[in-house]
């Protein structure tokens, strides 16, 4: 991100955090704008450019009531193994374009000794990203605030791999997902280290459409393990690819956002942003 983009996202994140902490009082536009040191006019414009909707509408999208409605609305689809197949391409970007291939034991043994990994840094509407890839696909993507720590975290995943800072075509294809334009998307290949169970859970997450929310129990049901909600939660928590594998679309059955490896404020931002985008398409 350039300096202005980073400042803009940080202001958005601060506003969302304020809204989340004060939702019972239904803060006004003036209050929220004051919190992020902007005039109401400039804040409204900044927010609308980022989210594609007004702060007032966004506040509705991140409410517990809206989350509960989404959870209730999708109940009818749970018994259908091909659920949401009739949804528009915009809603099914992850399911249609993202493909997972599991690493073989030979590929990740000895700390990834035989892996050659390229990595680069990129911008997103939700903060800075580090994205890494093998010759077969993206193996890691994470939000970060400190570049040095981001590299350390990546290398801890594959301590004996060979690393090179280089943006390649695999990474570029993956980053097109943030453009929200399916006409420019190619297949996005992910090359992931995980158990059979983890891979099954991550593949199930791809089938949750943009703008929809599921519970951990819903995902457990989808993979045929209805009593494995806790294990599903653990697998979701170890998701190595932010946003592309949309673990942010899984929330608590109460409607609360729940945890997120990259922060609950960022999770709230993504959920609201996706709801705004899908509702724009419907309108």
Protein backbone atom coordinates (compact mmCIF):
# COMPACT_ATOMS: atom_id res chain seq x y z
CA UNK A 1 0.00 0.00 0.00
CA UNK A 2 1.14 3.54 -0.58
CA UNK A 3 1.06 5.86 2.42
CA UNK A 4 -2.35 7.37 1.63
CA UNK A 5 -4.01 3.99 0.97
CA UNK A 6 -2.65 2.63 4.24
CA UNK A 7 -3.91 5.71 6.10
CA UNK A 8 -7.34 5.30 4.48
CA UNK A 9 -7.63 1.63 5.45
CA UNK A 10 -6.42 2.35 8.98
CA UNK A 11 -9.15 4.99 9.31
CA UNK A 12 -11.73 2.54 8.02
CA UNK A 13 -10.50 -0.11 10.48
CA UNK A 14 -10.59 2.39 13.36
CA UNK A 15 -14.14 3.38 12.40
CA UNK A 16 -15.26 -0.26 12.25
CA UNK A 17 -13.68 -0.97 15.62
CA UNK A 18 -15.51 2.04 17.09
CA UNK A 19 -18.80 0.91 15.54
CA UNK A 20 -18.34 -2.64 16.89
CA UNK A 21 -17.56 -1.42 20.40
CA UNK A 22 -20.40 1.09 20.49
CA UNK A 23 -23.10 -0.54 18.37
CA UNK A 24 -25.65 -0.53 21.19
CA UNK A 25 -25.55 3.26 21.21
CA UNK A 26 -25.97 3.40 17.41
CA UNK A 27 -23.24 6.01 16.83
CA UNK A 28 -24.02 8.78 14.37
CA UNK A 29 -21.99 9.61 11.28
CA UNK A 30 -20.68 12.73 13.03
CA UNK A 31 -19.47 10.70 16.02
CA UNK A 32 -17.68 8.12 13.87
CA UNK A 33 -16.11 10.80 11.67
CA UNK A 34 -14.85 12.65 14.76
CA UNK A 35 -13.27 9.44 16.02
CA UNK A 36 -11.13 9.13 12.88
CA UNK A 37 -10.37 12.87 12.69
CA UNK A 38 -12.33 13.61 9.51
CA UNK A 39 -15.26 15.84 8.68
CA UNK A 40 -18.56 13.96 8.20
CA UNK A 41 -18.45 14.79 4.47
CA UNK A 42 -14.92 13.47 3.95
CA UNK A 43 -15.56 10.39 6.06
CA UNK A 44 -18.74 9.54 4.14
CA UNK A 45 -16.86 9.88 0.84
CA UNK A 46 -13.86 7.83 2.04
CA UNK A 47 -16.10 5.08 3.39
CA UNK A 48 -18.29 4.95 0.29
CA UNK A 49 -15.24 4.70 -2.00
CA UNK A 50 -13.88 1.79 0.05
CA UNK A 51 -17.08 -0.15 0.77
CA UNK A 52 -19.33 0.90 -2.10
CA UNK A 53 -22.03 1.79 0.39
CA UNK A 54 -22.78 4.31 3.12
CA UNK A 55 -21.57 3.94 6.72
CA UNK A 56 -25.21 3.59 7.80
CA UNK A 57 -25.84 0.67 5.41
CA UNK A 58 -22.50 -0.90 6.32
CA UNK A 59 -23.48 -0.75 9.99
CA UNK A 60 -26.48 -2.91 9.12
CA UNK A 61 -24.31 -5.42 7.25
CA UNK A 62 -22.07 -6.06 10.26
CA UNK A 63 -24.87 -6.28 12.82
CA UNK A 64 -25.65 -9.49 14.68
CA UNK A 65 -29.21 -9.25 13.33
CA UNK A 66 -27.94 -9.30 9.74
CA UNK A 67 -25.63 -12.23 10.54
CA UNK A 68 -28.51 -14.19 12.07
CA UNK A 69 -30.65 -13.49 8.99
CA UNK A 70 -27.92 -14.84 6.71
CA UNK A 71 -27.52 -17.93 8.88
CA UNK A 72 -31.28 -18.52 8.83
CA UNK A 73 -31.63 -17.88 5.08
CA UNK A 74 -29.06 -20.51 4.17
CA UNK A 75 -30.66 -23.30 6.21
CA UNK A 76 -32.79 -24.36 3.24
CA UNK A 77 -29.66 -25.00 1.16
CA UNK A 78 -27.76 -27.16 3.65
CA UNK A 79 -29.34 -30.44 2.59
CA UNK A 80 -28.42 -29.80 -1.03
CA UNK A 81 -24.91 -31.03 -1.75
CA UNK A 82 -24.70 -28.63 -4.67
CA UNK A 83 -25.95 -25.71 -2.58
CA UNK A 84 -25.89 -22.23 -4.10
CA UNK A 85 -25.06 -23.54 -7.56
CA UNK A 86 -27.51 -21.07 -9.04
CA UNK A 87 -25.79 -18.06 -7.53
CA UNK A 88 -24.20 -15.44 -9.77
CA UNK A 89 -20.53 -15.63 -10.72
CA UNK A 90 -19.78 -12.72 -8.41
CA UNK A 91 -21.01 -14.66 -5.40
CA UNK A 92 -19.15 -17.82 -6.39
CA UNK A 93 -15.71 -16.42 -7.24
CA UNK A 94 -13.89 -18.65 -4.75
CA UNK A 95 -15.77 -21.82 -5.63
CA UNK A 96 -15.43 -21.31 -9.40
CA UNK A 97 -11.83 -20.18 -9.65
CA UNK A 98 -9.86 -21.40 -6.62
CA UNK A 99 -8.51 -24.96 -6.79
CA UNK A 100 -6.65 -26.72 -3.98
CA UNK A 101 -3.89 -29.29 -4.45
CA UNK A 102 -2.43 -30.90 -1.36
CA UNK A 103 1.34 -31.14 -1.04
CA UNK A 104 2.72 -34.64 -1.03
CA UNK A 105 4.73 -35.80 2.02
CA UNK A 106 7.83 -35.69 -0.17
CA UNK A 107 7.21 -32.01 -0.94
CA UNK A 108 6.94 -30.78 2.62
CA UNK A 109 9.13 -33.27 4.50
CA UNK A 110 12.25 -31.95 6.22
CA UNK A 111 10.76 -28.48 6.52
CA UNK A 112 10.18 -28.09 2.80
CA UNK A 113 13.81 -28.79 1.94
CA UNK A 114 12.97 -29.48 -1.72
CA UNK A 115 10.60 -26.54 -2.17
CA UNK A 116 11.49 -23.34 -4.00
CA UNK A 117 9.18 -20.53 -2.89
CA UNK A 118 8.69 -17.08 -4.39
CA UNK A 119 7.09 -14.36 -2.27
CA UNK A 120 6.03 -10.76 -2.71
CA UNK A 121 4.04 -8.04 -1.01
CA UNK A 122 0.75 -6.61 -2.23
CA UNK A 123 -2.09 -4.26 -1.37
CA UNK A 124 -5.68 -5.21 -0.64
CA UNK A 125 -8.78 -3.35 0.53
CA UNK A 126 -8.09 -4.83 3.99
CA UNK A 127 -4.43 -4.04 4.49
CA UNK A 128 -1.05 -5.24 3.25
CA UNK A 129 -0.52 -8.85 2.19
CA UNK A 130 2.38 -11.22 1.82
CA UNK A 131 1.75 -13.89 -0.82
CA UNK A 132 4.00 -16.88 -1.51
CA UNK A 133 3.96 -19.58 -4.17
CA UNK A 134 5.62 -22.77 -5.29
CA UNK A 135 5.74 -23.82 -8.94
CA UNK A 136 2.32 -25.47 -8.41
CA UNK A 137 0.36 -22.69 -6.72
CA UNK A 138 -0.02 -20.23 -3.85
CA UNK A 139 1.15 -21.86 -0.62
CA UNK A 140 0.68 -18.95 1.78
CA UNK A 141 -1.07 -15.60 1.99
CA UNK A 142 -1.44 -13.46 5.09
CA UNK A 143 -2.24 -9.92 6.15
CA UNK A 144 0.58 -8.15 7.98
CA UNK A 145 1.57 -4.87 9.59
CA UNK A 146 5.34 -5.43 9.75
CA UNK A 147 7.21 -6.68 6.66
CA UNK A 148 10.08 -8.27 8.58
CA UNK A 149 7.76 -10.27 10.83
CA UNK A 150 5.71 -11.31 7.79
CA UNK A 151 8.79 -12.89 6.21
CA UNK A 152 9.71 -14.60 9.49
CA UNK A 153 6.18 -16.07 9.77
CA UNK A 154 6.36 -17.36 6.20
CA UNK A 155 9.76 -18.99 6.69
CA UNK A 156 8.60 -20.69 9.88
CA UNK A 157 6.04 -22.57 7.78
CA UNK A 158 8.76 -24.00 5.53
CA UNK A 159 12.03 -23.54 7.47
CA UNK A 160 14.28 -25.38 5.01
CA UNK A 161 12.79 -24.19 1.73
CA UNK A 162 14.60 -21.90 -0.70
CA UNK A 163 13.05 -18.42 -0.77
CA UNK A 164 13.21 -15.68 -3.34
CA UNK A 165 11.45 -12.31 -3.27
CA UNK A 166 9.76 -12.35 -6.66
CA UNK A 167 6.26 -11.62 -7.95
CA UNK A 168 5.24 -14.40 -10.34
CA UNK A 169 2.21 -15.12 -12.53
CA UNK A 170 0.71 -17.49 -9.94
CA UNK A 171 0.63 -14.71 -7.36
CA UNK A 172 -0.69 -12.15 -9.86
CA UNK A 173 -3.60 -14.43 -10.82
CA UNK A 174 -4.45 -14.87 -7.14
CA UNK A 175 -4.43 -11.14 -6.43
CA UNK A 176 -7.01 -10.48 -9.18
CA UNK A 177 -9.62 -11.78 -6.72
CA UNK A 178 -9.56 -8.38 -5.00
CA UNK A 179 -10.63 -6.66 -8.20
CA UNK A 180 -14.06 -8.30 -7.87
CA UNK A 181 -14.16 -8.72 -11.66
CA UNK A 182 -14.63 -12.36 -12.63
CA UNK A 183 -14.00 -11.56 -16.32
CA UNK A 184 -10.29 -11.10 -15.52
CA UNK A 185 -9.91 -14.16 -13.33
CA UNK A 186 -8.02 -17.27 -14.33
CA UNK A 187 -7.96 -20.45 -12.25
CA UNK A 188 -6.17 -19.75 -8.98
CA UNK A 189 -4.15 -22.74 -7.87
CA UNK A 190 -3.32 -23.31 -4.21
CA UNK A 191 -0.55 -25.73 -3.22
CA UNK A 192 -1.11 -26.45 0.46
CA UNK A 193 0.43 -28.42 3.25
CA UNK A 194 -2.33 -29.99 5.34
CA UNK A 195 -3.88 -33.20 6.59
CA UNK A 196 -6.69 -34.81 4.59
CA UNK A 197 -9.16 -33.43 7.12
CA UNK A 198 -7.79 -29.89 6.89
CA UNK A 199 -7.87 -29.96 3.08
CA UNK A 200 -11.47 -31.18 3.17
CA UNK A 201 -12.47 -28.32 5.48
CA UNK A 202 -10.65 -25.71 3.38
CA UNK A 203 -12.34 -27.01 0.23
CA UNK A 204 -15.72 -26.75 1.98
CA UNK A 205 -15.01 -23.09 2.77
CA UNK A 206 -14.62 -22.37 -0.95
CA UNK A 207 -18.28 -23.31 -1.42
CA UNK A 208 -19.58 -20.61 0.93
CA UNK A 209 -20.70 -17.85 -1.45
CA UNK A 210 -19.57 -14.27 -1.09
CA UNK A 211 -22.01 -12.33 1.07
CA UNK A 212 -23.13 -15.47 2.94
CA UNK A 213 -22.17 -16.70 6.40
CA UNK A 214 -21.97 -20.21 7.89
CA UNK A 215 -21.35 -21.59 11.36
CA UNK A 216 -18.69 -24.11 12.34
CA UNK A 217 -21.47 -26.68 12.68
CA UNK A 218 -22.63 -25.95 9.13
CA UNK A 219 -19.17 -26.65 7.76
CA UNK A 220 -18.93 -29.85 9.82
CA UNK A 221 -22.25 -30.97 8.32
CA UNK A 222 -21.06 -30.17 4.80
CA UNK A 223 -18.03 -32.44 5.12
CA UNK A 224 -20.13 -35.26 6.58
CA UNK A 225 -18.81 -34.88 10.14
CA UNK A 226 -21.70 -33.17 11.96
CA UNK A 227 -20.19 -33.81 15.40
CA UNK A 228 -16.77 -32.42 14.52
CA UNK A 229 -17.42 -28.69 14.99
CA UNK A 230 -14.44 -28.25 17.31
CA UNK A 231 -12.05 -30.02 14.93
CA UNK A 232 -13.47 -27.97 12.06
CA UNK A 233 -12.79 -24.80 14.05
CA UNK A 234 -9.18 -25.87 14.57
CA UNK A 235 -8.75 -26.57 10.84
CA UNK A 236 -10.28 -23.20 9.95
CA UNK A 237 -7.96 -21.50 12.43
CA UNK A 238 -4.94 -23.01 10.67
CA UNK A 239 -5.97 -21.81 7.20
CA UNK A 240 -2.70 -20.72 5.51
CA UNK A 241 -4.29 -18.58 2.77
CA UNK A 242 -6.14 -15.45 3.87
CA UNK A 243 -9.23 -14.36 1.92
CA UNK A 244 -8.75 -16.82 -0.97
CA UNK A 245 -9.90 -19.57 1.37
CA UNK A 246 -12.74 -17.58 2.93
CA UNK A 247 -12.55 -18.63 6.56
CA UNK A 248 -13.86 -15.13 7.38
CA UNK A 249 -17.33 -16.35 6.28
CA UNK A 250 -17.60 -18.69 9.27
CA UNK A 251 -19.00 -17.15 12.45
CA UNK A 252 -20.48 -18.27 15.76
CA UNK A 253 -24.02 -19.66 15.81
CA UNK A 254 -25.04 -16.72 18.04
CA UNK A 255 -24.33 -14.33 15.16
CA UNK A 256 -21.17 -12.99 16.79
CA UNK A 257 -18.23 -12.55 14.44
CA UNK A 258 -15.89 -14.76 16.47
CA UNK A 259 -12.13 -15.01 16.12
CA UNK A 260 -9.91 -14.51 13.09
CA UNK A 261 -6.21 -15.11 12.71
CA UNK A 262 -5.71 -11.63 11.29
CA UNK A 263 -7.95 -9.78 13.75
CA UNK A 264 -11.69 -9.59 14.35
CA UNK A 265 -11.85 -5.97 13.11
CA UNK A 266 -10.43 -7.06 9.75
CA UNK A 267 -12.89 -9.98 9.66
CA UNK A 268 -15.75 -7.56 10.29
CA UNK A 269 -14.44 -5.28 7.54
CA UNK A 270 -14.31 -8.14 5.02
CA UNK A 271 -17.79 -9.43 5.90
CA UNK A 272 -19.30 -5.95 5.57
CA UNK A 273 -17.39 -5.22 2.35
CA UNK A 274 -18.55 -8.49 0.77
CA UNK A 275 -22.17 -7.89 1.80
CA UNK A 276 -22.00 -4.42 0.26
CA UNK A 277 -20.57 -5.80 -3.02
CA UNK A 278 -23.14 -8.60 -3.36
CA UNK A 279 -26.04 -6.30 -2.52
CA UNK A 280 -24.84 -3.82 -5.16
CA UNK A 281 -25.05 -6.64 -7.73
CA UNK A 282 -28.60 -7.51 -6.62
CA UNK A 283 -29.67 -3.88 -6.84
